Structure formats: C-alpha cells, structure tokens
C-alpha cells in the first residue's frame, strides 16, 4: 500500500492568516489538495498543528486521517517525522508520497507516475520529480528511507538537504511536464495569481 502524507501544520506567517483555509474552487486550499491525494492514493494522512481547530471545523478532509504535530513551530521537518511515524504504524505500507497542503494544483498524474515507478522498481528509496531544470513536489519515499528521514531532517527544510545530497539512496529523479508543476502559495501575490481567471 502507498499512502499520502499531506503536510499542513504551518503557521503561514507570510500570509498573516491560515492559508490552509483560503477559498479555492469551492473548497479550501487544503481541502483541494486532500481531494486530489485521496483520488489516487490508498490512504491519506494530514498533519496539522497551527489553527488545528479551525482546520478540522472548516476543511473537507476527504476521509484523511488527522495527525497532530505539537512541535509545528519548529518547522516542516517535525511534520514530516510525525507523518512518517503515523504511517509506519499501519500494516503493509510500502511507501509514502509527501504533499504540501498549500499546493492545490498538484496533479494526480504526478502522484501516480511516482507510485507506478516505485511499483516497477521497488529497490528505489526516493523518487523526486523534476519540472524543467528544477526539482519539485510531491516526493515519494519508500519505507526503507524512513529511518534516515526521521533521524536526519531538521528545521523548515524538510528533506530538501538530504535530497540535494542524493539521499535517501537509491534516489531517482523523474522528469515531468513543466505544466504539472504545483504552484507554491506562500504570499498574497501567489494566492492572487492562483485564483486569477485565466
């Protein structure tokens, strides 16, 4: 089984309010992200922390299991660790796709491409997509990668520094179409661009 871990515990300090709750296509940013994850993955865990009560009350969680990160203020790495520990307790989990709760334009096709590659190459530990010349999200980690992640990730970088070193190995980079790159929503300008009619 491959599960999704959606990281949504951040404080959104640059936005000044919980960006997880911002409207997007009849849902919220987080709800839209969860809907995509739930449509293509066997199971989904969402890690929340800041504004947890509001998120539970206002977001359609699409059947996701909610996990609390009490240390969310220390950065994204703590949420990744909490999510991995939650899915490690589940039986028959071969790997996890890590998604960011503020990327509602993530493509289901991107998720399934990573999963399909792993199913065909089960010795791989990490699968990272690249869009043009830049790596991006989501990222797949096989169960064999989890101990290194839990031990090594710190701060707000998540697993970025490990991935830059080619770890957890073996690491494979898969090129995906540039138009599949999920849009980051970190500022009001980002959000305005997201909701602007095309």
N, C-alpha and C. Protein backbone atom coordinates (compact mmCIF):
# COMPACT_ATOMS: atom_id res chain seq x y z
N UNK A 1 0.84 -1.20 0.00
CA UNK A 1 0.00 0.00 0.00
C UNK A 1 0.88 1.25 0.00
N UNK A 2 0.48 2.25 -0.77
CA UNK A 2 1.16 3.54 -0.78
C UNK A 2 0.21 4.58 -0.22
N UNK A 3 0.70 5.34 0.75
CA UNK A 3 -0.13 6.34 1.43
C UNK A 3 0.36 7.74 1.08
N UNK A 4 -0.52 8.70 1.28
CA UNK A 4 -0.14 10.10 1.13
C UNK A 4 0.01 10.74 2.50
N UNK A 5 1.01 11.56 2.64
CA UNK A 5 1.18 12.38 3.84
C UNK A 5 1.12 13.84 3.40
N UNK A 6 0.09 14.54 3.83
CA UNK A 6 -0.09 15.94 3.46
C UNK A 6 0.34 16.81 4.64
N UNK A 7 1.34 17.63 4.41
CA UNK A 7 1.89 18.48 5.47
C UNK A 7 1.14 19.81 5.48
N UNK A 8 0.42 20.07 6.58
CA UNK A 8 -0.43 21.25 6.64
C UNK A 8 -0.44 21.87 8.04
N UNK A 9 0.70 21.82 8.71
CA UNK A 9 0.76 22.28 10.10
C UNK A 9 1.32 23.68 10.26
N UNK A 10 1.76 24.30 9.17
CA UNK A 10 2.49 25.57 9.28
C UNK A 10 1.64 26.74 9.72
N UNK A 11 2.34 27.79 10.17
CA UNK A 11 1.67 28.99 10.70
C UNK A 11 1.34 30.01 9.63
N UNK A 12 1.87 29.86 8.42
CA UNK A 12 1.60 30.79 7.31
C UNK A 12 1.91 32.23 7.72
N UNK A 13 3.10 32.45 8.27
CA UNK A 13 3.44 33.77 8.78
C UNK A 13 3.47 34.83 7.69
N UNK A 14 3.84 34.46 6.48
CA UNK A 14 3.89 35.46 5.40
C UNK A 14 2.49 35.86 4.93
N UNK A 15 1.52 35.00 5.14
CA UNK A 15 0.15 35.32 4.74
C UNK A 15 -0.59 36.10 5.82
N UNK A 16 -0.21 35.89 7.07
CA UNK A 16 -0.88 36.58 8.16
C UNK A 16 -2.19 35.94 8.59
N UNK A 17 -2.56 34.82 7.97
CA UNK A 17 -3.74 34.07 8.35
C UNK A 17 -3.57 32.64 7.84
N UNK A 18 -4.37 31.70 8.33
CA UNK A 18 -4.18 30.30 7.91
C UNK A 18 -4.46 30.11 6.42
N UNK A 19 -3.41 29.89 5.64
CA UNK A 19 -3.63 29.74 4.21
C UNK A 19 -4.34 28.43 3.88
N UNK A 20 -4.29 27.46 4.80
CA UNK A 20 -5.00 26.21 4.57
C UNK A 20 -6.50 26.44 4.35
N UNK A 21 -7.02 27.55 4.90
CA UNK A 21 -8.45 27.81 4.86
C UNK A 21 -8.88 28.74 3.73
N UNK A 22 -7.95 29.23 2.94
CA UNK A 22 -8.30 30.16 1.87
C UNK A 22 -9.16 29.45 0.81
N UNK A 23 -10.16 30.14 0.27
CA UNK A 23 -11.04 29.50 -0.72
C UNK A 23 -10.32 29.18 -2.02
N UNK A 24 -10.71 28.03 -2.60
CA UNK A 24 -10.17 27.63 -3.90
C UNK A 24 -11.13 26.64 -4.54
N UNK A 25 -11.73 27.05 -5.64
CA UNK A 25 -12.60 26.18 -6.44
C UNK A 25 -13.67 25.48 -5.60
N UNK A 26 -14.34 26.25 -4.77
CA UNK A 26 -15.43 25.71 -3.97
C UNK A 26 -14.98 24.95 -2.74
N UNK A 27 -13.68 24.88 -2.50
CA UNK A 27 -13.14 24.22 -1.31
C UNK A 27 -12.20 25.19 -0.62
N UNK A 28 -11.26 24.64 0.12
CA UNK A 28 -10.16 25.40 0.67
C UNK A 28 -8.88 24.91 0.00
N UNK A 29 -7.78 25.65 0.18
CA UNK A 29 -6.52 25.19 -0.39
C UNK A 29 -6.19 23.78 0.09
N UNK A 30 -6.34 23.57 1.39
CA UNK A 30 -6.03 22.25 1.94
C UNK A 30 -7.04 21.21 1.46
N UNK A 31 -8.31 21.54 1.46
CA UNK A 31 -9.32 20.59 1.02
C UNK A 31 -9.12 20.15 -0.41
N UNK A 32 -8.73 21.09 -1.28
CA UNK A 32 -8.50 20.75 -2.68
C UNK A 32 -7.29 19.82 -2.82
N UNK A 33 -6.25 20.09 -2.03
CA UNK A 33 -5.07 19.22 -2.06
C UNK A 33 -5.43 17.81 -1.60
N UNK A 34 -6.19 17.73 -0.52
CA UNK A 34 -6.59 16.43 0.02
C UNK A 34 -7.47 15.67 -0.97
N UNK A 35 -8.32 16.38 -1.68
CA UNK A 35 -9.20 15.72 -2.65
C UNK A 35 -8.39 15.03 -3.74
N UNK A 36 -7.36 15.70 -4.22
CA UNK A 36 -6.52 15.10 -5.26
C UNK A 36 -5.78 13.89 -4.70
N UNK A 37 -5.20 14.04 -3.51
CA UNK A 37 -4.46 12.92 -2.91
C UNK A 37 -5.38 11.72 -2.70
N UNK A 38 -6.57 11.98 -2.17
CA UNK A 38 -7.50 10.88 -1.88
C UNK A 38 -7.99 10.20 -3.14
N UNK A 39 -7.97 10.90 -4.26
CA UNK A 39 -8.49 10.32 -5.50
C UNK A 39 -7.54 9.31 -6.12
N UNK A 40 -6.26 9.34 -5.74
CA UNK A 40 -5.29 8.45 -6.40
C UNK A 40 -4.47 7.59 -5.44
N UNK A 41 -4.60 7.81 -4.14
CA UNK A 41 -3.80 7.05 -3.17
C UNK A 41 -4.68 6.15 -2.31
N UNK A 42 -4.09 5.10 -1.78
CA UNK A 42 -4.83 4.12 -0.99
C UNK A 42 -5.34 4.70 0.32
N UNK A 43 -4.55 5.61 0.90
CA UNK A 43 -4.87 6.17 2.21
C UNK A 43 -4.14 7.51 2.33
N UNK A 44 -4.72 8.43 3.09
CA UNK A 44 -4.09 9.75 3.24
C UNK A 44 -4.08 10.15 4.71
N UNK A 45 -2.93 10.66 5.14
CA UNK A 45 -2.77 11.23 6.48
C UNK A 45 -2.49 12.72 6.29
N UNK A 46 -3.14 13.57 7.07
CA UNK A 46 -2.86 15.00 7.03
C UNK A 46 -2.32 15.42 8.39
N UNK A 47 -1.18 16.09 8.36
CA UNK A 47 -0.53 16.54 9.59
C UNK A 47 -0.87 18.01 9.79
N UNK A 48 -1.51 18.32 10.92
CA UNK A 48 -1.88 19.70 11.21
C UNK A 48 -1.27 20.13 12.54
N UNK A 49 -1.25 21.44 12.77
CA UNK A 49 -0.69 21.97 14.00
C UNK A 49 -1.27 23.34 14.28
N UNK A 50 -0.75 24.37 13.61
CA UNK A 50 -1.30 25.71 13.74
C UNK A 50 -2.74 25.73 13.22
N UNK A 51 -3.60 26.47 13.92
CA UNK A 51 -5.02 26.61 13.52
C UNK A 51 -5.71 25.26 13.38
N UNK A 52 -5.33 24.31 14.21
CA UNK A 52 -5.86 22.95 14.07
C UNK A 52 -7.37 22.89 14.23
N UNK A 53 -7.91 23.59 15.22
CA UNK A 53 -9.36 23.53 15.45
C UNK A 53 -10.12 24.09 14.26
N UNK A 54 -9.65 25.21 13.71
CA UNK A 54 -10.32 25.81 12.56
C UNK A 54 -10.24 24.89 11.35
N UNK A 55 -9.10 24.25 11.16
CA UNK A 55 -8.94 23.35 10.02
C UNK A 55 -9.92 22.18 10.13
N UNK A 56 -10.00 21.57 11.30
CA UNK A 56 -10.91 20.44 11.49
C UNK A 56 -12.36 20.87 11.26
N UNK A 57 -12.68 22.10 11.68
CA UNK A 57 -14.06 22.57 11.58
C UNK A 57 -14.43 23.00 10.16
N UNK A 58 -13.46 23.51 9.40
CA UNK A 58 -13.80 24.18 8.14
C UNK A 58 -13.33 23.47 6.88
N UNK A 59 -12.45 22.48 7.00
CA UNK A 59 -11.89 21.84 5.81
C UNK A 59 -12.54 20.48 5.58
N UNK A 60 -12.92 20.21 4.33
CA UNK A 60 -13.36 18.87 3.95
C UNK A 60 -12.11 18.00 3.88
N UNK A 61 -11.97 17.10 4.82
CA UNK A 61 -10.76 16.29 4.92
C UNK A 61 -10.77 15.08 3.99
N UNK A 62 -11.86 14.86 3.28
CA UNK A 62 -11.93 13.79 2.27
C UNK A 62 -11.49 12.43 2.82
N UNK A 63 -11.86 12.16 4.07
CA UNK A 63 -11.57 10.86 4.66
C UNK A 63 -10.17 10.69 5.18
N UNK A 64 -9.36 11.74 5.14
CA UNK A 64 -7.98 11.63 5.60
C UNK A 64 -7.92 11.45 7.11
N UNK A 65 -6.92 10.70 7.56
CA UNK A 65 -6.64 10.58 8.99
C UNK A 65 -5.89 11.82 9.45
N UNK A 66 -6.37 12.44 10.51
CA UNK A 66 -5.75 13.67 11.02
C UNK A 66 -4.74 13.32 12.11
N UNK A 67 -3.53 13.86 11.96
CA UNK A 67 -2.47 13.66 12.95
C UNK A 67 -1.98 15.03 13.40
N UNK A 68 -1.85 15.21 14.70
CA UNK A 68 -1.41 16.48 15.25
C UNK A 68 0.10 16.52 15.41
N UNK A 69 0.69 17.66 15.06
CA UNK A 69 2.10 17.90 15.30
C UNK A 69 2.23 18.99 16.37
N UNK A 70 2.52 18.61 17.60
CA UNK A 70 2.62 19.62 18.66
C UNK A 70 3.84 20.52 18.49
N UNK A 71 4.81 20.09 17.69
CA UNK A 71 6.05 20.85 17.51
C UNK A 71 6.09 21.59 16.17
N UNK A 72 4.91 21.94 15.64
CA UNK A 72 4.85 22.54 14.31
C UNK A 72 5.68 23.82 14.20
N UNK A 73 5.86 24.54 15.30
CA UNK A 73 6.60 25.80 15.24
C UNK A 73 8.07 25.61 14.91
N UNK A 74 8.58 24.39 15.04
CA UNK A 74 9.99 24.14 14.74
C UNK A 74 10.24 23.97 13.25
N UNK A 75 9.19 23.86 12.47
CA UNK A 75 9.37 23.78 11.02
C UNK A 75 8.81 22.52 10.41
N UNK A 76 8.93 22.45 9.08
CA UNK A 76 8.30 21.39 8.30
C UNK A 76 8.84 20.00 8.63
N UNK A 77 10.12 19.93 9.03
CA UNK A 77 10.72 18.62 9.30
C UNK A 77 9.95 17.88 10.39
N UNK A 78 9.52 18.59 11.41
CA UNK A 78 8.80 17.92 12.50
C UNK A 78 7.49 17.32 12.01
N UNK A 79 6.84 17.99 11.06
CA UNK A 79 5.59 17.44 10.50
C UNK A 79 5.86 16.21 9.66
N UNK A 80 6.96 16.23 8.92
CA UNK A 80 7.33 15.06 8.13
C UNK A 80 7.57 13.86 9.04
N UNK A 81 8.27 14.08 10.14
CA UNK A 81 8.55 12.99 11.08
C UNK A 81 7.26 12.47 11.70
N UNK A 82 6.38 13.37 12.12
CA UNK A 82 5.10 12.95 12.70
C UNK A 82 4.30 12.13 11.69
N UNK A 83 4.27 12.59 10.44
CA UNK A 83 3.53 11.86 9.42
C UNK A 83 4.11 10.49 9.15
N UNK A 84 5.43 10.41 9.07
CA UNK A 84 6.06 9.10 8.81
C UNK A 84 5.82 8.14 9.97
N UNK A 85 5.89 8.63 11.19
CA UNK A 85 5.64 7.75 12.33
C UNK A 85 4.20 7.26 12.33
N UNK A 86 3.28 8.10 11.89
CA UNK A 86 1.87 7.69 11.84
C UNK A 86 1.65 6.59 10.82
N UNK A 87 2.26 6.71 9.64
CA UNK A 87 2.03 5.69 8.62
C UNK A 87 2.86 4.45 8.88
N UNK A 88 3.97 4.58 9.61
CA UNK A 88 4.78 3.40 9.94
C UNK A 88 4.02 2.43 10.81
N UNK A 89 3.02 2.93 11.53
CA UNK A 89 2.22 2.08 12.40
C UNK A 89 1.16 1.30 11.63
N UNK A 90 0.97 1.62 10.36
CA UNK A 90 -0.05 0.94 9.56
C UNK A 90 0.55 -0.33 8.94
N UNK A 91 -0.24 -1.37 8.77
CA UNK A 91 0.29 -2.59 8.15
C UNK A 91 0.41 -2.45 6.64
N UNK A 92 1.39 -3.14 6.08
CA UNK A 92 1.51 -3.28 4.63
C UNK A 92 1.72 -1.98 3.88
N UNK A 93 2.38 -1.00 4.49
CA UNK A 93 2.67 0.25 3.79
C UNK A 93 4.07 0.16 3.18
N UNK A 94 4.14 0.27 1.87
CA UNK A 94 5.42 0.15 1.16
C UNK A 94 6.11 1.49 1.01
N UNK A 95 5.32 2.57 0.98
CA UNK A 95 5.93 3.87 0.77
C UNK A 95 4.91 4.98 0.98
N UNK A 96 5.42 6.22 0.95
CA UNK A 96 4.56 7.38 1.17
C UNK A 96 4.90 8.48 0.18
N UNK A 97 3.87 9.13 -0.31
CA UNK A 97 4.03 10.32 -1.14
C UNK A 97 3.81 11.53 -0.25
N UNK A 98 4.80 12.43 -0.22
CA UNK A 98 4.72 13.62 0.62
C UNK A 98 4.20 14.77 -0.21
N UNK A 99 3.11 15.37 0.26
CA UNK A 99 2.50 16.50 -0.43
C UNK A 99 2.42 17.69 0.52
N UNK A 100 2.37 18.89 -0.05
CA UNK A 100 2.24 20.10 0.75
C UNK A 100 0.80 20.59 0.69
N UNK A 101 0.26 20.91 1.84
CA UNK A 101 -1.15 21.27 1.94
C UNK A 101 -1.52 22.57 1.28
N UNK A 102 -0.52 23.35 0.85
CA UNK A 102 -0.80 24.61 0.17
C UNK A 102 -0.48 24.54 -1.31
N UNK A 103 -0.55 23.33 -1.86
CA UNK A 103 -0.31 23.15 -3.30
C UNK A 103 -1.52 22.45 -3.95
N UNK A 104 -2.65 23.17 -4.05
CA UNK A 104 -3.87 22.53 -4.56
C UNK A 104 -3.84 22.24 -6.05
N UNK A 105 -2.79 22.69 -6.74
CA UNK A 105 -2.70 22.39 -8.17
C UNK A 105 -1.82 21.17 -8.44
N UNK A 106 -1.45 20.45 -7.37
CA UNK A 106 -0.71 19.21 -7.58
C UNK A 106 -1.52 18.29 -8.48
N UNK A 107 -0.85 17.60 -9.37
CA UNK A 107 -1.56 16.77 -10.34
C UNK A 107 -1.63 15.33 -9.87
N UNK A 108 -2.81 14.75 -9.97
CA UNK A 108 -2.95 13.33 -9.68
C UNK A 108 -2.04 12.49 -10.54
N UNK A 109 -1.82 12.94 -11.80
CA UNK A 109 -0.94 12.21 -12.71
C UNK A 109 0.49 12.18 -12.19
N UNK A 110 0.92 13.27 -11.54
CA UNK A 110 2.27 13.30 -10.97
C UNK A 110 2.40 12.28 -9.85
N UNK A 111 1.39 12.22 -9.00
CA UNK A 111 1.41 11.27 -7.90
C UNK A 111 1.46 9.84 -8.43
N UNK A 112 0.59 9.53 -9.38
CA UNK A 112 0.55 8.16 -9.89
C UNK A 112 1.81 7.80 -10.66
N UNK A 113 2.45 8.77 -11.30
CA UNK A 113 3.70 8.49 -12.00
C UNK A 113 4.78 8.04 -11.01
N UNK A 114 4.88 8.73 -9.88
CA UNK A 114 5.85 8.34 -8.86
C UNK A 114 5.53 6.94 -8.32
N UNK A 115 4.27 6.70 -8.02
CA UNK A 115 3.87 5.40 -7.46
C UNK A 115 4.13 4.28 -8.46
N UNK A 116 3.77 4.52 -9.72
CA UNK A 116 3.97 3.48 -10.73
C UNK A 116 5.45 3.17 -10.91
N UNK A 117 6.29 4.19 -10.84
CA UNK A 117 7.72 3.95 -10.98
C UNK A 117 8.21 3.08 -9.83
N UNK A 118 7.76 3.39 -8.62
CA UNK A 118 8.20 2.58 -7.48
C UNK A 118 7.73 1.13 -7.61
N UNK A 119 6.50 0.94 -8.02
CA UNK A 119 5.98 -0.42 -8.15
C UNK A 119 6.78 -1.23 -9.16
N UNK A 120 7.32 -0.56 -10.16
CA UNK A 120 8.15 -1.24 -11.16
C UNK A 120 9.62 -1.35 -10.73
N UNK A 121 10.03 -0.52 -9.75
CA UNK A 121 11.42 -0.50 -9.29
C UNK A 121 11.43 -0.44 -7.76
N UNK A 122 11.04 -1.52 -7.09
CA UNK A 122 10.85 -1.48 -5.63
C UNK A 122 12.13 -1.34 -4.82
N UNK A 123 13.30 -1.37 -5.46
CA UNK A 123 14.55 -1.16 -4.73
C UNK A 123 14.88 0.32 -4.54
N UNK A 124 14.15 1.19 -5.20
CA UNK A 124 14.40 2.63 -5.08
C UNK A 124 13.90 3.13 -3.73
N UNK A 125 14.66 4.05 -3.11
CA UNK A 125 14.26 4.61 -1.82
C UNK A 125 13.54 5.94 -1.96
N UNK A 126 13.98 6.76 -2.91
CA UNK A 126 13.44 8.12 -3.06
C UNK A 126 13.18 8.40 -4.53
N UNK A 127 12.02 8.98 -4.82
CA UNK A 127 11.69 9.39 -6.18
C UNK A 127 11.28 10.86 -6.14
N UNK A 128 12.01 11.66 -6.91
CA UNK A 128 11.81 13.11 -6.92
C UNK A 128 11.43 13.54 -8.33
N UNK A 129 10.36 14.31 -8.50
CA UNK A 129 10.05 14.81 -9.83
C UNK A 129 10.87 16.05 -10.17
N UNK A 130 11.16 16.23 -11.44
CA UNK A 130 11.76 17.48 -11.89
C UNK A 130 10.87 18.07 -12.97
N UNK A 131 10.73 19.38 -12.91
CA UNK A 131 9.92 20.12 -13.88
C UNK A 131 10.87 21.09 -14.58
N UNK A 132 11.20 20.83 -15.83
CA UNK A 132 12.25 21.62 -16.45
C UNK A 132 13.56 21.30 -15.76
N UNK A 133 14.26 22.33 -15.32
CA UNK A 133 15.57 22.13 -14.68
C UNK A 133 15.49 22.08 -13.16
N UNK A 134 14.30 22.17 -12.60
CA UNK A 134 14.16 22.27 -11.15
C UNK A 134 13.37 21.11 -10.58
N UNK A 135 13.86 20.61 -9.45
CA UNK A 135 13.11 19.59 -8.73
C UNK A 135 11.92 20.23 -8.01
N UNK A 136 10.92 19.39 -7.70
CA UNK A 136 9.74 19.92 -7.04
C UNK A 136 9.02 18.86 -6.25
N UNK A 137 7.75 19.08 -6.03
CA UNK A 137 6.89 18.18 -5.27
C UNK A 137 5.85 17.58 -6.19
N UNK A 138 5.22 16.49 -5.74
CA UNK A 138 5.41 15.73 -4.50
C UNK A 138 6.64 14.83 -4.59
N UNK A 139 7.03 14.25 -3.45
CA UNK A 139 8.19 13.36 -3.38
C UNK A 139 7.75 12.03 -2.78
N UNK A 140 8.29 10.95 -3.33
CA UNK A 140 7.99 9.60 -2.83
C UNK A 140 9.16 9.09 -2.01
N UNK A 141 8.84 8.52 -0.84
CA UNK A 141 9.84 7.85 -0.01
C UNK A 141 9.37 6.43 0.29
N UNK A 142 10.16 5.45 -0.13
CA UNK A 142 9.88 4.07 0.24
C UNK A 142 10.10 3.89 1.73
N UNK A 143 9.52 2.84 2.28
CA UNK A 143 9.65 2.59 3.71
C UNK A 143 11.13 2.48 4.13
N UNK A 144 11.97 1.99 3.24
CA UNK A 144 13.39 1.86 3.56
C UNK A 144 14.06 3.21 3.83
N UNK A 145 13.46 4.30 3.33
CA UNK A 145 14.03 5.64 3.52
C UNK A 145 13.62 6.28 4.84
N UNK A 146 12.57 5.77 5.45
CA UNK A 146 12.00 6.47 6.61
C UNK A 146 12.95 6.59 7.79
N UNK A 147 13.71 5.55 8.17
CA UNK A 147 14.59 5.71 9.33
C UNK A 147 15.59 6.86 9.17
N UNK A 148 16.18 7.01 7.99
CA UNK A 148 17.11 8.11 7.77
C UNK A 148 16.40 9.46 7.86
N UNK A 149 15.20 9.54 7.31
CA UNK A 149 14.45 10.79 7.36
C UNK A 149 14.13 11.17 8.80
N UNK A 150 13.61 10.22 9.56
CA UNK A 150 13.23 10.50 10.94
C UNK A 150 14.44 10.95 11.76
N UNK A 151 15.57 10.36 11.46
CA UNK A 151 16.79 10.67 12.22
C UNK A 151 17.43 11.99 11.79
N UNK A 152 17.30 12.35 10.52
CA UNK A 152 18.16 13.39 9.96
C UNK A 152 17.49 14.72 9.65
N UNK A 153 16.19 14.76 9.36
CA UNK A 153 15.59 16.02 8.93
C UNK A 153 15.42 16.98 10.11
N UNK A 154 15.64 18.26 9.84
CA UNK A 154 15.52 19.28 10.89
C UNK A 154 14.98 20.56 10.28
N UNK A 155 14.44 21.42 11.15
CA UNK A 155 14.06 22.76 10.76
C UNK A 155 12.96 22.82 9.72
N UNK A 156 13.00 23.88 8.91
CA UNK A 156 11.95 24.11 7.94
C UNK A 156 12.32 23.64 6.54
N UNK A 157 13.46 22.97 6.41
CA UNK A 157 13.90 22.49 5.11
C UNK A 157 13.25 21.17 4.72
N UNK A 158 12.64 20.49 5.69
CA UNK A 158 12.11 19.17 5.38
C UNK A 158 13.24 18.25 4.97
N UNK A 159 13.04 17.55 3.87
CA UNK A 159 14.06 16.61 3.40
C UNK A 159 14.92 17.21 2.29
N UNK A 160 14.82 18.50 2.06
CA UNK A 160 15.48 19.13 0.91
C UNK A 160 16.99 18.92 0.91
N UNK A 161 17.62 19.09 2.08
CA UNK A 161 19.08 18.95 2.14
C UNK A 161 19.51 17.51 1.87
N UNK A 162 18.77 16.55 2.42
CA UNK A 162 19.10 15.15 2.13
C UNK A 162 18.98 14.86 0.65
N UNK A 163 17.90 15.30 0.05
CA UNK A 163 17.66 15.04 -1.37
C UNK A 163 18.76 15.67 -2.22
N UNK A 164 19.21 16.87 -1.84
CA UNK A 164 20.28 17.54 -2.58
C UNK A 164 21.56 16.71 -2.57
N UNK A 165 21.74 15.89 -1.54
CA UNK A 165 22.93 15.02 -1.45
C UNK A 165 22.68 13.65 -2.08
N UNK A 166 21.50 13.46 -2.67
CA UNK A 166 21.18 12.18 -3.29
C UNK A 166 20.72 11.13 -2.30
N UNK A 167 20.20 11.57 -1.17
CA UNK A 167 19.73 10.65 -0.12
C UNK A 167 18.27 10.92 0.18
N UNK A 168 17.59 9.96 0.79
CA UNK A 168 17.99 8.56 0.99
C UNK A 168 18.16 7.83 -0.35
N UNK A 169 19.24 7.10 -0.46
CA UNK A 169 19.59 6.40 -1.69
C UNK A 169 19.07 4.96 -1.66
N UNK A 170 18.84 4.41 -2.86
CA UNK A 170 18.96 5.00 -4.18
C UNK A 170 17.88 6.05 -4.46
N UNK A 171 18.30 7.17 -5.04
CA UNK A 171 17.38 8.26 -5.39
C UNK A 171 17.29 8.36 -6.90
N UNK A 172 16.05 8.48 -7.38
CA UNK A 172 15.79 8.61 -8.82
C UNK A 172 15.04 9.91 -9.06
N UNK A 173 15.44 10.63 -10.08
CA UNK A 173 14.75 11.84 -10.49
C UNK A 173 13.97 11.55 -11.77
N UNK A 174 12.69 11.88 -11.76
CA UNK A 174 11.83 11.62 -12.92
C UNK A 174 11.37 12.95 -13.52
N UNK A 175 11.66 13.19 -14.79
CA UNK A 175 11.18 14.43 -15.42
C UNK A 175 9.68 14.37 -15.69
N UNK A 176 8.99 15.43 -15.32
CA UNK A 176 7.57 15.56 -15.57
C UNK A 176 7.31 16.84 -16.35
N UNK A 177 6.17 16.95 -17.02
CA UNK A 177 5.89 18.16 -17.80
C UNK A 177 5.89 19.42 -16.93
N UNK A 178 6.44 20.48 -17.45
CA UNK A 178 6.51 21.75 -16.71
C UNK A 178 5.13 22.20 -16.25
N UNK A 179 4.11 21.95 -17.08
CA UNK A 179 2.77 22.41 -16.71
C UNK A 179 2.18 21.63 -15.55
N UNK A 180 2.82 20.55 -15.16
CA UNK A 180 2.37 19.80 -13.99
C UNK A 180 2.92 20.36 -12.69
N UNK A 181 3.86 21.29 -12.74
CA UNK A 181 4.47 21.81 -11.51
C UNK A 181 3.40 22.45 -10.62
N UNK A 182 3.27 21.98 -9.37
CA UNK A 182 2.29 22.60 -8.49
C UNK A 182 2.75 23.99 -8.06
N UNK A 183 1.82 24.90 -8.00
CA UNK A 183 2.13 26.29 -7.65
C UNK A 183 2.27 26.44 -6.14
N UNK A 184 3.35 27.07 -5.70
CA UNK A 184 3.53 27.36 -4.28
C UNK A 184 2.68 28.56 -3.89
N UNK A 185 2.02 28.46 -2.74
CA UNK A 185 1.21 29.57 -2.25
C UNK A 185 1.81 30.02 -0.91
N UNK A 186 2.72 30.98 -0.99
CA UNK A 186 3.38 31.46 0.22
C UNK A 186 3.00 32.91 0.56
N UNK A 187 2.57 33.68 -0.45
CA UNK A 187 2.26 35.09 -0.24
C UNK A 187 0.89 35.41 -0.85
N UNK A 188 0.41 36.62 -0.56
CA UNK A 188 -0.86 37.04 -1.15
C UNK A 188 -0.76 37.15 -2.67
N UNK A 189 0.42 37.54 -3.16
CA UNK A 189 0.60 37.60 -4.62
C UNK A 189 0.46 36.20 -5.24
N UNK A 190 1.02 35.20 -4.55
CA UNK A 190 0.89 33.82 -5.03
C UNK A 190 -0.57 33.41 -5.09
N UNK A 191 -1.30 33.74 -4.03
CA UNK A 191 -2.72 33.36 -3.97
C UNK A 191 -3.52 34.10 -5.03
N UNK A 192 -3.23 35.39 -5.21
CA UNK A 192 -3.94 36.16 -6.23
C UNK A 192 -3.71 35.57 -7.61
N UNK A 193 -2.46 35.14 -7.86
CA UNK A 193 -2.15 34.52 -9.15
C UNK A 193 -2.90 33.20 -9.31
N UNK A 194 -3.02 32.46 -8.23
CA UNK A 194 -3.71 31.17 -8.27
C UNK A 194 -5.18 31.30 -8.65
N UNK A 195 -5.85 32.30 -8.06
CA UNK A 195 -7.30 32.41 -8.25
C UNK A 195 -7.69 33.34 -9.39
N UNK A 196 -6.67 33.98 -10.01
CA UNK A 196 -6.96 34.91 -11.11
C UNK A 196 -7.52 34.13 -12.29
N UNK A 197 -8.63 34.58 -12.88
CA UNK A 197 -9.18 33.88 -14.04
C UNK A 197 -8.15 33.83 -15.17
N UNK A 198 -8.05 32.67 -15.83
CA UNK A 198 -7.07 32.53 -16.91
C UNK A 198 -7.63 33.08 -18.22
